[in-house]
Amino acid sequence: MSIRGPEALASLDEAMRDIRREEEDISKRLARSAERLGKIRENEAELFRQLARLRIDPAIQAELDGRISSAEGKARDMLKAHAKDLSKAEAAVADEDATLARLTGERNEALKTFETHQGELKALASKLGPTIARDPVFAGKRQAATEMADIAAQSMRKTEQAEADREQKGKPYRDDALFMYLWEAGYGTASYRANNFIRFLDGKVADLVGFAKARPNFAMLNEIPLRLREHAERGIENARLAEAEVDALETAAIDNAGGKPLRDAMAETQARIDALDAEIVIAEDRRDEAAKLVGQLSQGGNPAFEGALGELAAALGREDIQTLLAEARRTRTGQDDTIVAQIDETRVRAKEEEGETRELNERLKTLAARRRELEDIQWEFKKQRFDDPRSTFRDDKLVGDVLNDFLRGGISAASYWEKWRGSQNWSAGTSDWGGGVGLPNNGRRSNSPWPQGGGSTMNWPDSSFGGSGSQPRPRGNSGGFGGGWGSGSGGGFSRPRTGLTGTRKSGGFKTGGRF
């Protein structure tokens, strides 16, 4: 079952909202955990005061009580100030979430407007199609473009076969270390440089491996694919130029029939979508910074706060207090035993709380990294115009099981994105205006509003111009990818960064919980 581009993007948006909601939930749980840990420390301090009243001299007791009270007071004050900072940071995240929700909503409305204009233009093109298709000039141009596209496709197929032969038939040569030594040294060519002694030895090696006979064959295996590729790429460029001439005729016919206002409206709407996408990037990066601060504060990531709690913990860990506790353990009085048991229980609770905090912290980091990867995927999705109303995806599991697998860390962001690219198609017989000669070229589509007739439908291989098969021309100037597609997540995504967070590249990881 297939899924349309707008619905696919909406599913990714929903997954993003789920991640953000879980981030918010974990931040709140961390904040509560930090608060509980502070109270546990205060309770432990009070228990030591009670133990001191039973076990030590009043003068020493007062000095000990003063140290604990001082550290406790600082911690309490810092907790209050820290709570205010955390509340402010949480409000900043909420504001950015509201901004993102508004921008996403506006973008969805703009995309619906674009689809409306697109449908109107397609209807106009369908009405004009039979008439213009019979025009001799147009028919000639379209036929020429189709023939050039077929020739280019045949040339590229020959190129690919030659490149496959180069890899297969050239392997025995590349595996021969002595042959490759002479080849790389340029032996037998004008570029060969060596003294007489080395020349003598190299000559012996050449005789041994039959270099004189093998070298021309290997050179031919390498040279033929290069020449074929140059020829194929010239053919592709010629086909593109021919297509451009057809586009010009089509555009003129549409404009003469009243289509220019619709085209202008589409361009204006697309400009609005592009502007909203830029605003979304900025808002996402602002939210990322705010979420980082919430995460730090939720874990007590405030130097003054950490110092105050650390001072309290140090006061409770003083040697005289530990001696007091050890002596109380050695005696067998009811009051001592009760207080010591409560202290032990308090420390167990503190360790459990600290362990949970560490787990939540790791989970929060995982979610933040996954959110940034999903932002990268959404950016590429929109840049390639996969959200276009005529864009479809054969595999609806991309927004189901496969999406869940990605969110759980089962596959990398790069692998998930490749699945989107491999599943994507454009509605049959559609182009910018609804028809086209069917000339695929690096993510572009023909503007043709006319019936396709006998147009070519071949796909350019990925190795030619970086394209991914037969795709319509993007609504705007999408450009190419920002880097190579490596095996690690985030390796080649081109999402722009506002400078708030650096490159924000993250590796693979596993997640738990809902994702």
Protein backbone atom coordinates (compact mmCIF):
# COMPACT_ATOMS: atom_id res chain seq x y z
CA MET A 1 0.00 0.00 0.00
CA SER A 2 1.40 3.38 -1.00
CA ILE A 3 1.39 6.66 0.88
CA ARG A 4 1.42 10.21 -0.49
CA GLY A 5 4.19 12.67 0.22
CA PRO A 6 2.20 15.08 2.44
CA GLU A 7 0.88 12.22 4.59
CA ALA A 8 4.37 10.74 4.88
CA LEU A 9 5.78 14.04 6.11
CA ALA A 10 2.88 14.39 8.55
CA SER A 11 3.82 10.99 10.02
CA LEU A 12 7.40 12.14 10.49
CA ASP A 13 6.10 15.31 12.15
CA GLU A 14 4.03 13.21 14.55
CA ALA A 15 7.05 11.08 15.41
CA MET A 16 8.98 14.26 16.10
CA ARG A 17 6.26 15.49 18.44
CA ASP A 18 6.36 12.15 20.28
CA ILE A 19 10.10 12.46 20.78
CA ARG A 20 9.76 16.00 22.09
CA ARG A 21 6.97 14.97 24.46
CA GLU A 22 9.10 12.15 25.85
CA GLU A 23 12.05 14.51 26.24
CA GLU A 24 9.83 16.84 28.24
CA ASP A 25 8.56 13.96 30.39
CA ILE A 26 12.06 12.70 31.17
CA SER A 27 13.28 16.22 32.00
CA LYS A 28 10.47 16.55 34.52
CA ARG A 29 11.29 13.15 35.99
CA LEU A 30 14.93 14.18 36.31
CA ALA A 31 13.93 17.37 38.04
CA ARG A 32 11.79 15.45 40.53
CA SER A 33 14.64 12.99 41.07
CA ALA A 34 17.09 15.81 41.82
CA GLU A 35 14.61 17.29 44.26
CA ARG A 36 14.12 13.93 45.98
CA LEU A 37 17.87 13.45 46.23
CA GLY A 38 18.22 16.82 47.93
CA LYS A 39 15.55 15.87 50.45
CA ILE A 40 17.20 12.51 51.06
CA ARG A 41 20.44 14.30 51.90
CA GLU A 42 18.60 16.63 54.26
CA ASN A 43 16.97 13.64 55.96
CA GLU A 44 20.35 11.97 56.30
CA ALA A 45 21.75 15.11 57.89
CA GLU A 46 18.92 15.21 60.41
CA LEU A 47 19.51 11.56 61.32
CA PHE A 48 23.17 12.31 62.01
CA ARG A 49 22.12 15.18 64.26
CA GLN A 50 19.94 12.78 66.22
CA LEU A 51 22.76 10.29 66.47
CA ALA A 52 25.18 12.99 67.61
CA ARG A 53 22.85 14.01 70.43
CA LEU A 54 23.05 10.47 71.76
CA ARG A 55 26.72 9.73 71.22
CA ILE A 56 29.03 12.76 71.48
CA ASP A 57 29.97 15.64 73.77
CA PRO A 58 27.62 18.68 73.50
CA ALA A 59 30.47 21.01 72.47
CA ILE A 60 31.55 18.72 69.64
CA GLN A 61 27.93 18.14 68.81
CA ALA A 62 27.35 21.87 68.34
CA GLU A 63 30.38 22.19 66.03
CA LEU A 64 29.25 19.19 63.99
CA ASP A 65 25.68 20.45 63.84
CA GLY A 66 26.93 23.83 62.64
CA ARG A 67 28.84 22.29 59.74
CA ILE A 68 25.88 20.24 58.65
CA SER A 69 23.41 23.11 59.04
CA SER A 70 25.60 25.46 57.02
CA ALA A 71 25.92 23.00 54.14
CA GLU A 72 22.23 22.16 54.40
CA GLY A 73 21.21 25.80 54.27
CA LYS A 74 23.30 26.47 51.17
CA ALA A 75 21.83 23.44 49.46
CA ARG A 76 18.29 24.54 50.30
CA ASP A 77 18.88 28.06 48.95
CA MET A 78 20.45 26.70 45.80
CA LEU A 79 17.53 24.33 45.30
CA LYS A 80 15.14 27.27 45.31
CA ALA A 81 17.23 29.29 42.85
CA HIS A 82 17.75 26.21 40.73
CA ALA A 83 14.01 25.55 40.57
CA LYS A 84 13.49 29.06 39.18
CA ASP A 85 16.18 28.54 36.53
CA LEU A 86 14.65 25.21 35.57
CA SER A 87 11.17 26.69 35.32
CA LYS A 88 12.49 29.45 33.05
CA ALA A 89 14.30 26.94 30.81
CA GLU A 90 11.19 24.73 30.59
CA ALA A 91 9.14 27.76 29.58
CA ALA A 92 11.65 28.47 26.79
CA VAL A 93 11.25 24.92 25.46
CA ALA A 94 7.46 25.25 25.62
CA ASP A 95 7.64 28.54 23.70
CA GLU A 96 9.74 26.96 20.96
CA ASP A 97 7.39 23.98 20.79
CA ALA A 98 4.49 26.38 20.30
CA THR A 99 6.46 28.21 17.61
CA LEU A 100 7.25 24.96 15.82
CA ALA A 101 3.63 23.85 15.99
CA ARG A 102 2.54 27.17 14.48
CA LEU A 103 5.16 27.09 11.70
CA THR A 104 4.38 23.47 10.85
CA GLY A 105 0.68 24.28 10.67
CA GLU A 106 1.31 27.25 8.39
CA ARG A 107 3.52 25.11 6.17
CA ASN A 108 0.82 22.45 5.88
CA GLU A 109 -1.69 25.09 4.82
CA ALA A 110 0.74 26.51 2.28
CA LEU A 111 1.31 23.04 0.86
CA LYS A 112 -2.45 22.56 0.49
CA THR A 113 -2.63 25.88 -1.35
CA PHE A 114 0.19 24.76 -3.62
CA GLU A 115 -1.65 21.51 -4.35
CA THR A 116 -4.80 23.47 -5.25
CA HIS A 117 -2.94 25.67 -7.75
CA GLN A 118 -1.15 22.61 -9.07
CA GLY A 119 -4.45 20.84 -9.72
CA GLU A 120 -5.88 23.86 -11.50
CA LEU A 121 -2.82 24.11 -13.69
CA LYS A 122 -2.94 20.42 -14.48
CA ALA A 123 -6.61 20.73 -15.48
CA LEU A 124 -5.74 23.60 -17.82
CA ALA A 125 -2.84 21.61 -19.28
CA SER A 126 -5.07 18.58 -19.86
CA LYS A 127 -7.56 20.75 -21.70
CA LEU A 128 -4.87 22.25 -23.95
CA GLY A 129 -2.92 19.05 -24.43
CA PRO A 130 -4.60 17.52 -27.48
CA THR A 131 -4.39 20.80 -29.39
CA ILE A 132 -0.76 21.60 -28.74
CA ALA A 133 0.31 17.98 -29.21
CA ARG A 134 -0.78 18.24 -32.86
CA ASP A 135 1.36 21.33 -33.46
CA PRO A 136 4.14 20.29 -35.88
CA VAL A 137 6.83 22.38 -34.16
CA PHE A 138 6.01 21.01 -30.72
CA ALA A 139 5.72 17.44 -32.02
CA GLY A 140 9.11 17.72 -33.69
CA LYS A 141 10.77 19.11 -30.59
CA ARG A 142 9.21 16.46 -28.40
CA GLN A 143 10.25 13.66 -30.72
CA ALA A 144 13.81 14.99 -30.82
CA ALA A 145 13.95 15.20 -27.02
CA THR A 146 12.61 11.66 -26.72
CA GLU A 147 15.15 10.27 -29.17
CA MET A 148 18.01 12.07 -27.45
CA ALA A 149 16.86 10.73 -24.09
CA ASP A 150 16.81 7.18 -25.47
CA ILE A 151 20.26 7.59 -26.99
CA ALA A 152 21.61 8.94 -23.72
CA ALA A 153 20.08 6.02 -21.82
CA GLN A 154 21.64 3.50 -24.21
CA SER A 155 25.01 5.21 -23.88
CA MET A 156 24.79 5.08 -20.12
CA ARG A 157 23.92 1.39 -20.17
CA LYS A 158 26.99 0.72 -22.30
CA THR A 159 29.03 2.78 -19.87
CA GLU A 160 27.82 0.79 -16.90
CA GLN A 161 28.62 -2.49 -18.66
CA ALA A 162 32.13 -1.26 -19.48
CA GLU A 163 32.63 -0.19 -15.87
CA ALA A 164 31.46 -3.60 -14.67
CA ASP A 165 33.92 -5.26 -17.08
CA ARG A 166 36.67 -3.02 -15.74
CA GLU A 167 35.97 -4.17 -12.20
CA GLN A 168 35.63 -7.86 -13.07
CA LYS A 169 38.25 -8.32 -15.79
CA GLY A 170 40.70 -5.92 -14.19
CA LYS A 171 40.79 -7.76 -10.87
CA PRO A 172 43.52 -10.28 -11.86
CA TYR A 173 45.74 -7.38 -12.89
CA ARG A 174 45.08 -5.46 -9.67
CA ASP A 175 45.72 -8.57 -7.60
CA ASP A 176 49.17 -9.04 -9.17
CA ALA A 177 51.53 -7.05 -6.93
CA LEU A 178 54.43 -7.11 -9.40
CA PHE A 179 52.26 -6.00 -12.32
CA MET A 180 50.74 -3.16 -10.26
CA TYR A 181 54.20 -2.07 -9.09
CA LEU A 182 55.31 -1.63 -12.70
CA TRP A 183 51.97 -0.06 -13.69
CA GLU A 184 52.08 2.55 -10.94
CA ALA A 185 55.74 3.28 -11.72
CA GLY A 186 54.74 4.04 -15.32
CA TYR A 187 57.02 1.36 -16.71
CA GLY A 188 57.00 1.35 -20.50
CA THR A 189 55.72 4.93 -20.74
CA ALA A 190 57.34 8.34 -21.02
CA SER A 191 56.57 9.03 -17.36
CA TYR A 192 58.81 6.17 -16.15
CA ARG A 193 61.78 7.50 -14.12
CA ALA A 194 64.48 5.21 -12.76
CA ASN A 195 68.26 4.81 -12.78
CA ASN A 196 69.96 2.17 -14.91
CA PHE A 197 70.18 -0.40 -12.14
CA ILE A 198 66.49 -0.09 -11.28
CA ARG A 199 65.61 -0.17 -14.97
CA PHE A 200 67.53 -3.42 -15.30
CA LEU A 201 65.71 -5.00 -12.35
CA ASP A 202 62.33 -3.69 -13.52
CA GLY A 203 62.99 -5.19 -16.93
CA LYS A 204 63.53 -8.59 -15.36
CA VAL A 205 60.28 -8.22 -13.41
CA ALA A 206 58.47 -7.14 -16.59
CA ASP A 207 59.69 -10.22 -18.44
CA LEU A 208 58.65 -12.39 -15.52
CA VAL A 209 55.02 -11.17 -15.41
CA GLY A 210 54.61 -10.59 -19.16
CA PHE A 211 54.08 -6.87 -18.59
CA ALA A 212 54.60 -5.80 -22.22
CA LYS A 213 51.63 -7.87 -23.35
CA ALA A 214 49.40 -7.30 -20.33
CA ARG A 215 49.82 -3.53 -20.04
CA PRO A 216 47.84 -2.52 -23.19
CA ASN A 217 44.95 -4.78 -22.18
CA PHE A 218 44.75 -3.26 -18.70
CA ALA A 219 45.06 0.25 -20.11
CA MET A 220 42.18 -0.44 -22.48
CA LEU A 221 40.01 -1.79 -19.66
CA ASN A 222 40.51 1.48 -17.79
CA GLU A 223 40.29 3.84 -20.75
CA ILE A 224 37.12 2.59 -22.47
CA PRO A 225 34.73 3.31 -19.53
CA LEU A 226 36.12 6.84 -19.19
CA ARG A 227 35.52 7.62 -22.84
CA LEU A 228 32.08 6.02 -22.79
CA ARG A 229 31.10 8.03 -19.72
CA GLU A 230 32.20 11.27 -21.34
CA HIS A 231 30.10 10.40 -24.39
CA ALA A 232 27.09 9.41 -22.26
CA GLU A 233 27.24 12.60 -20.23
CA ARG A 234 27.37 14.68 -23.40
CA GLY A 235 24.30 12.79 -24.55
CA ILE A 236 22.50 13.50 -21.30
CA GLU A 237 23.31 17.19 -21.58
CA ASN A 238 22.05 17.27 -25.16
CA ALA A 239 18.82 15.59 -24.04
CA ARG A 240 18.43 18.16 -21.29
CA LEU A 241 18.87 21.01 -23.73
CA ALA A 242 16.28 19.45 -26.04
CA GLU A 243 13.92 19.07 -23.11
CA ALA A 244 14.43 22.72 -22.21
CA GLU A 245 13.25 23.71 -25.71
CA VAL A 246 10.10 21.60 -25.23
CA ASP A 247 9.60 23.21 -21.81
CA ALA A 248 9.80 26.68 -23.35
CA LEU A 249 7.08 25.84 -25.88
CA GLU A 250 4.88 24.31 -23.19
CA THR A 251 5.27 27.25 -20.83
CA ALA A 252 4.43 29.72 -23.57
CA ALA A 253 1.30 27.75 -24.51
CA ILE A 254 0.16 27.60 -20.90
CA ASP A 255 0.76 31.30 -20.35
CA ASN A 256 -1.16 32.20 -23.51
CA ALA A 257 -4.08 30.15 -22.24
CA GLY A 258 -4.14 32.00 -18.89
CA GLY A 259 -1.84 29.75 -16.90
CA LYS A 260 0.71 32.39 -15.91
CA PRO A 261 -1.23 33.62 -12.85
CA LEU A 262 -1.42 30.03 -11.62
CA ARG A 263 2.29 29.52 -12.19
CA ASP A 264 3.04 32.76 -10.38
CA ALA A 265 0.80 31.71 -7.49
CA MET A 266 2.64 28.38 -7.27
CA ALA A 267 5.98 30.15 -7.25
CA GLU A 268 4.79 32.55 -4.55
CA THR A 269 3.46 29.69 -2.44
CA GLN A 270 6.68 27.75 -2.87
CA ALA A 271 8.65 30.77 -1.74
CA ARG A 272 6.44 30.88 1.36
CA ILE A 273 7.10 27.18 2.04
CA ASP A 274 10.85 27.71 1.66
CA ALA A 275 10.75 30.67 4.05
CA LEU A 276 8.81 28.61 6.61
CA ASP A 277 11.34 25.79 6.29
CA ALA A 278 14.13 28.25 7.09
CA GLU A 279 12.21 29.50 10.13
CA ILE A 280 11.62 25.92 11.27
CA VAL A 281 15.34 25.19 11.17
CA ILE A 282 16.08 28.21 13.35
CA ALA A 283 13.30 27.35 15.79
CA GLU A 284 14.47 23.73 15.99
CA ASP A 285 18.00 24.82 16.83
CA ARG A 286 16.74 27.29 19.43
CA ARG A 287 14.67 24.53 20.98
CA ASP A 288 17.68 22.21 20.94
CA GLU A 289 19.67 24.74 22.97
CA ALA A 290 16.79 25.24 25.39
CA ALA A 291 16.31 21.47 25.74
CA LYS A 292 20.02 21.04 26.49
CA LEU A 293 19.75 23.58 29.30
CA VAL A 294 16.65 21.87 30.70
CA GLY A 295 18.51 18.57 30.64
CA GLN A 296 21.46 20.01 32.50
CA LEU A 297 19.33 21.74 35.11
CA SER A 298 17.10 18.70 35.53
CA GLN A 299 20.15 16.74 36.59
CA GLY A 300 21.39 19.47 38.89
CA GLY A 301 23.64 20.81 36.18
CA ASN A 302 24.13 24.15 37.89
CA PRO A 303 27.63 24.80 39.35
CA ALA A 304 26.33 26.58 42.45
CA PHE A 305 23.65 23.94 43.00
CA GLU A 306 26.11 21.09 42.55
CA GLY A 307 28.58 22.81 44.86
CA ALA A 308 26.01 23.20 47.61
CA LEU A 309 24.90 19.57 47.43
CA GLY A 310 28.53 18.51 47.20
CA GLU A 311 29.32 20.48 50.34
CA LEU A 312 26.44 18.82 52.14
CA ALA A 313 27.60 15.40 50.98
CA ALA A 314 31.16 16.23 52.09
CA ALA A 315 29.91 17.33 55.50
CA LEU A 316 28.07 14.03 55.88
CA GLY A 317 31.18 12.17 54.80
CA ARG A 318 33.56 13.76 57.33
CA GLU A 319 35.77 11.35 59.21
CA ASP A 320 34.33 12.30 62.61
CA ILE A 321 30.78 11.60 61.33
CA GLN A 322 31.85 8.31 59.86
CA THR A 323 33.56 7.44 63.14
CA LEU A 324 30.35 8.32 64.96
CA LEU A 325 28.42 6.00 62.64
CA ALA A 326 30.95 3.18 63.04
CA GLU A 327 30.84 3.40 66.83
CA ALA A 328 27.05 3.38 66.79
CA ARG A 329 27.15 0.17 64.75
CA ARG A 330 29.37 -1.48 67.33
CA THR A 331 26.97 -0.80 70.20
CA ARG A 332 23.65 -2.50 70.73
CA THR A 333 21.25 0.16 71.97
CA GLY A 334 17.72 0.43 70.61
CA GLN A 335 17.89 4.11 69.70
CA ASP A 336 21.27 3.75 68.01
CA ASP A 337 20.17 0.78 66.00
CA THR A 338 17.02 2.52 64.82
CA ILE A 339 18.88 5.64 63.68
CA VAL A 340 21.68 3.63 62.02
CA ALA A 341 19.11 1.53 60.17
CA GLN A 342 17.38 4.70 58.97
CA ILE A 343 20.71 6.14 57.81
CA ASP A 344 21.48 2.92 55.90
CA GLU A 345 18.03 2.98 54.33
CA THR A 346 18.49 6.63 53.37
CA ARG A 347 21.79 5.87 51.67
CA VAL A 348 20.29 2.96 49.75
CA ARG A 349 17.51 5.28 48.53
CA ALA A 350 20.12 7.86 47.49
CA LYS A 351 22.03 5.27 45.45
CA GLU A 352 18.84 4.10 43.78
CA GLU A 353 17.90 7.68 42.98
CA GLU A 354 21.35 8.36 41.53
CA GLY A 355 21.14 5.18 39.44
CA GLU A 356 17.75 6.16 38.04
CA THR A 357 19.09 9.63 37.29
CA ARG A 358 21.95 8.15 35.28
CA GLU A 359 19.55 5.99 33.27
CA LEU A 360 17.23 8.91 32.58
CA ASN A 361 20.18 11.04 31.59
CA GLU A 362 21.33 8.47 29.03
CA ARG A 363 17.80 8.16 27.72
CA LEU A 364 17.53 11.93 27.36
CA LYS A 365 20.80 12.06 25.41
CA THR A 366 19.57 9.27 23.16
CA LEU A 367 16.30 11.06 22.47
CA ALA A 368 18.09 14.34 21.72
CA ALA A 369 20.38 12.61 19.23
CA ARG A 370 17.46 10.77 17.62
CA ARG A 371 15.50 14.02 17.36
CA ARG A 372 18.39 15.70 15.55
CA GLU A 373 18.66 12.78 13.15
CA LEU A 374 14.95 12.98 12.41
CA GLU A 375 15.37 16.71 11.80
CA ASP A 376 18.06 15.85 9.23
CA ILE A 377 15.76 13.35 7.52
CA GLN A 378 12.85 15.79 7.44
CA TRP A 379 15.10 18.44 5.92
CA GLU A 380 16.26 16.10 3.15
CA PHE A 381 12.66 14.97 2.64
CA LYS A 382 11.52 18.53 2.03
CA LYS A 383 14.63 19.51 0.06
CA GLN A 384 14.02 16.68 -2.38
CA ARG A 385 10.34 17.77 -2.57
CA PHE A 386 9.19 14.35 -1.44
CA ASP A 387 6.30 16.13 0.30
CA ASP A 388 4.96 17.19 -3.10
CA PRO A 389 1.31 16.11 -3.47
CA ARG A 390 2.26 13.99 -6.50
CA SER A 391 5.08 12.24 -4.66
CA THR A 392 4.22 8.72 -3.50
CA PHE A 393 5.98 5.94 -1.61
CA ARG A 394 5.37 2.29 -2.37
CA ASP A 395 6.06 1.09 1.17
CA ASP A 396 3.68 2.47 3.78
CA LYS A 397 5.72 0.63 6.46
CA LEU A 398 8.14 3.55 6.22
CA VAL A 399 5.73 5.37 8.54
CA GLY A 400 4.99 2.22 10.53
CA ASP A 401 7.32 -0.65 11.37
CA VAL A 402 10.37 0.84 9.64
CA LEU A 403 9.87 4.18 11.38
CA ASN A 404 9.61 2.42 14.74
CA ASP A 405 12.75 0.44 13.92
CA PHE A 406 14.60 3.68 13.22
CA LEU A 407 13.29 5.34 16.38
CA ARG A 408 14.40 2.35 18.46
CA GLY A 409 17.87 2.47 16.93
CA GLY A 410 17.47 -0.70 14.84
CA ILE A 411 18.64 1.09 11.68
CA SER A 412 20.71 4.22 11.19
CA ALA A 413 19.37 7.53 9.97
CA ALA A 414 21.25 7.13 6.68
CA SER A 415 19.75 3.66 6.12
CA TYR A 416 16.27 4.92 6.92
CA TRP A 417 16.65 7.81 4.49
CA GLU A 418 17.87 5.45 1.76
CA LYS A 419 14.69 3.41 2.22
CA TRP A 420 12.65 6.57 1.63
CA ARG A 421 14.62 7.33 -1.53
CA GLY A 422 14.29 3.78 -2.82
CA SER A 423 10.53 3.70 -2.26
CA GLN A 424 9.74 7.11 -3.77
CA ASN A 425 7.90 7.55 -7.07
CA TRP A 426 6.05 10.30 -8.86
CA SER A 427 2.44 9.87 -9.90
CA ALA A 428 2.23 8.31 -13.34
CA GLY A 429 2.15 10.76 -16.20
CA THR A 430 2.72 13.79 -14.02
CA SER A 431 5.23 16.59 -14.14
CA ASP A 432 5.18 20.22 -13.09
CA TRP A 433 2.06 20.68 -15.22
CA GLY A 434 0.85 17.13 -15.59
CA GLY A 435 2.56 15.27 -18.47
CA GLY A 436 6.06 15.33 -19.83
CA VAL A 437 8.45 13.62 -22.18
CA GLY A 438 9.55 11.48 -19.27
CA LEU A 439 13.18 12.61 -19.28
CA PRO A 440 14.63 11.86 -15.86
CA ASN A 441 17.62 13.99 -15.01
CA ASN A 442 19.09 14.35 -11.57
CA GLY A 443 15.88 14.98 -9.71
CA ARG A 444 14.34 17.29 -12.35
CA ARG A 445 11.10 16.82 -14.23
CA SER A 446 9.75 18.09 -17.50
CA ASN A 447 7.25 20.93 -17.44
CA SER A 448 5.22 19.26 -20.15
CA PRO A 449 1.44 19.47 -19.76
CA TRP A 450 0.86 17.28 -22.79
CA PRO A 451 0.17 13.58 -23.19
CA GLN A 452 3.39 11.66 -22.99
CA GLY A 453 2.84 9.54 -26.09
CA GLY A 454 6.00 7.63 -26.96
CA GLY A 455 8.30 9.45 -24.58
CA SER A 456 11.27 7.75 -22.99
CA THR A 457 10.82 6.41 -19.48
CA MET A 458 14.35 5.23 -18.69
CA ASN A 459 16.15 5.97 -15.43
CA TRP A 460 19.57 7.51 -15.25
CA PRO A 461 21.78 5.33 -13.05
CA ASP A 462 22.82 6.82 -9.72
CA SER A 463 26.43 7.00 -10.86
CA SER A 464 25.75 9.41 -13.68
CA PHE A 465 24.72 12.74 -12.21
CA GLY A 466 23.90 11.86 -8.64
CA GLY A 467 20.23 11.30 -9.41
CA SER A 468 18.11 8.56 -7.93
CA GLY A 469 16.12 7.56 -10.96
CA SER A 470 13.16 9.10 -12.69
CA GLN A 471 11.99 12.07 -10.65
CA PRO A 472 10.12 15.24 -11.44
CA ARG A 473 11.85 18.57 -11.18
CA PRO A 474 11.69 19.97 -7.63
CA ARG A 475 9.36 22.87 -6.94
CA GLY A 476 12.38 25.00 -6.18
CA ASN A 477 16.14 24.91 -6.47
CA SER A 478 16.96 22.09 -4.12
CA GLY A 479 20.60 21.61 -4.95
CA GLY A 480 22.56 18.49 -4.12
CA PHE A 481 23.42 16.67 -0.95
CA GLY A 482 25.91 18.17 1.43
CA GLY A 483 28.23 15.19 1.49
CA GLY A 484 28.69 11.51 0.78
CA TRP A 485 26.37 8.93 2.22
CA GLY A 486 28.45 6.99 4.67
CA SER A 487 27.36 4.03 6.73
CA GLY A 488 27.07 6.04 9.93
CA SER A 489 24.05 8.12 10.74
CA GLY A 490 24.30 11.80 10.02
CA GLY A 491 27.20 11.20 7.65
CA GLY A 492 25.88 13.08 4.63
CA PHE A 493 22.81 15.09 5.61
CA SER A 494 22.82 18.67 4.40
CA ARG A 495 20.48 20.32 6.89
CA PRO A 496 21.79 23.85 7.52
CA ARG A 497 22.79 24.82 11.04
CA THR A 498 22.23 28.21 12.61
CA GLY A 499 25.51 28.19 14.53
CA LEU A 500 23.89 27.62 17.92
CA THR A 501 24.92 24.02 18.23
CA GLY A 502 27.78 23.40 15.81
CA THR A 503 27.57 20.54 13.34
CA ARG A 504 25.40 18.39 15.59
CA LYS A 505 26.53 15.20 13.94
CA SER A 506 25.76 12.12 15.95
CA GLY A 507 26.55 8.47 15.58
CA GLY A 508 24.38 5.44 15.93
CA PHE A 509 22.94 4.36 19.25
CA LYS A 510 20.23 2.21 20.70
CA THR A 511 17.17 3.43 22.48
CA GLY A 512 14.65 2.05 24.87
CA GLY A 513 11.18 3.01 26.04
CA ARG A 514 8.57 3.81 23.47
CA PHE A 515 11.14 4.40 20.74
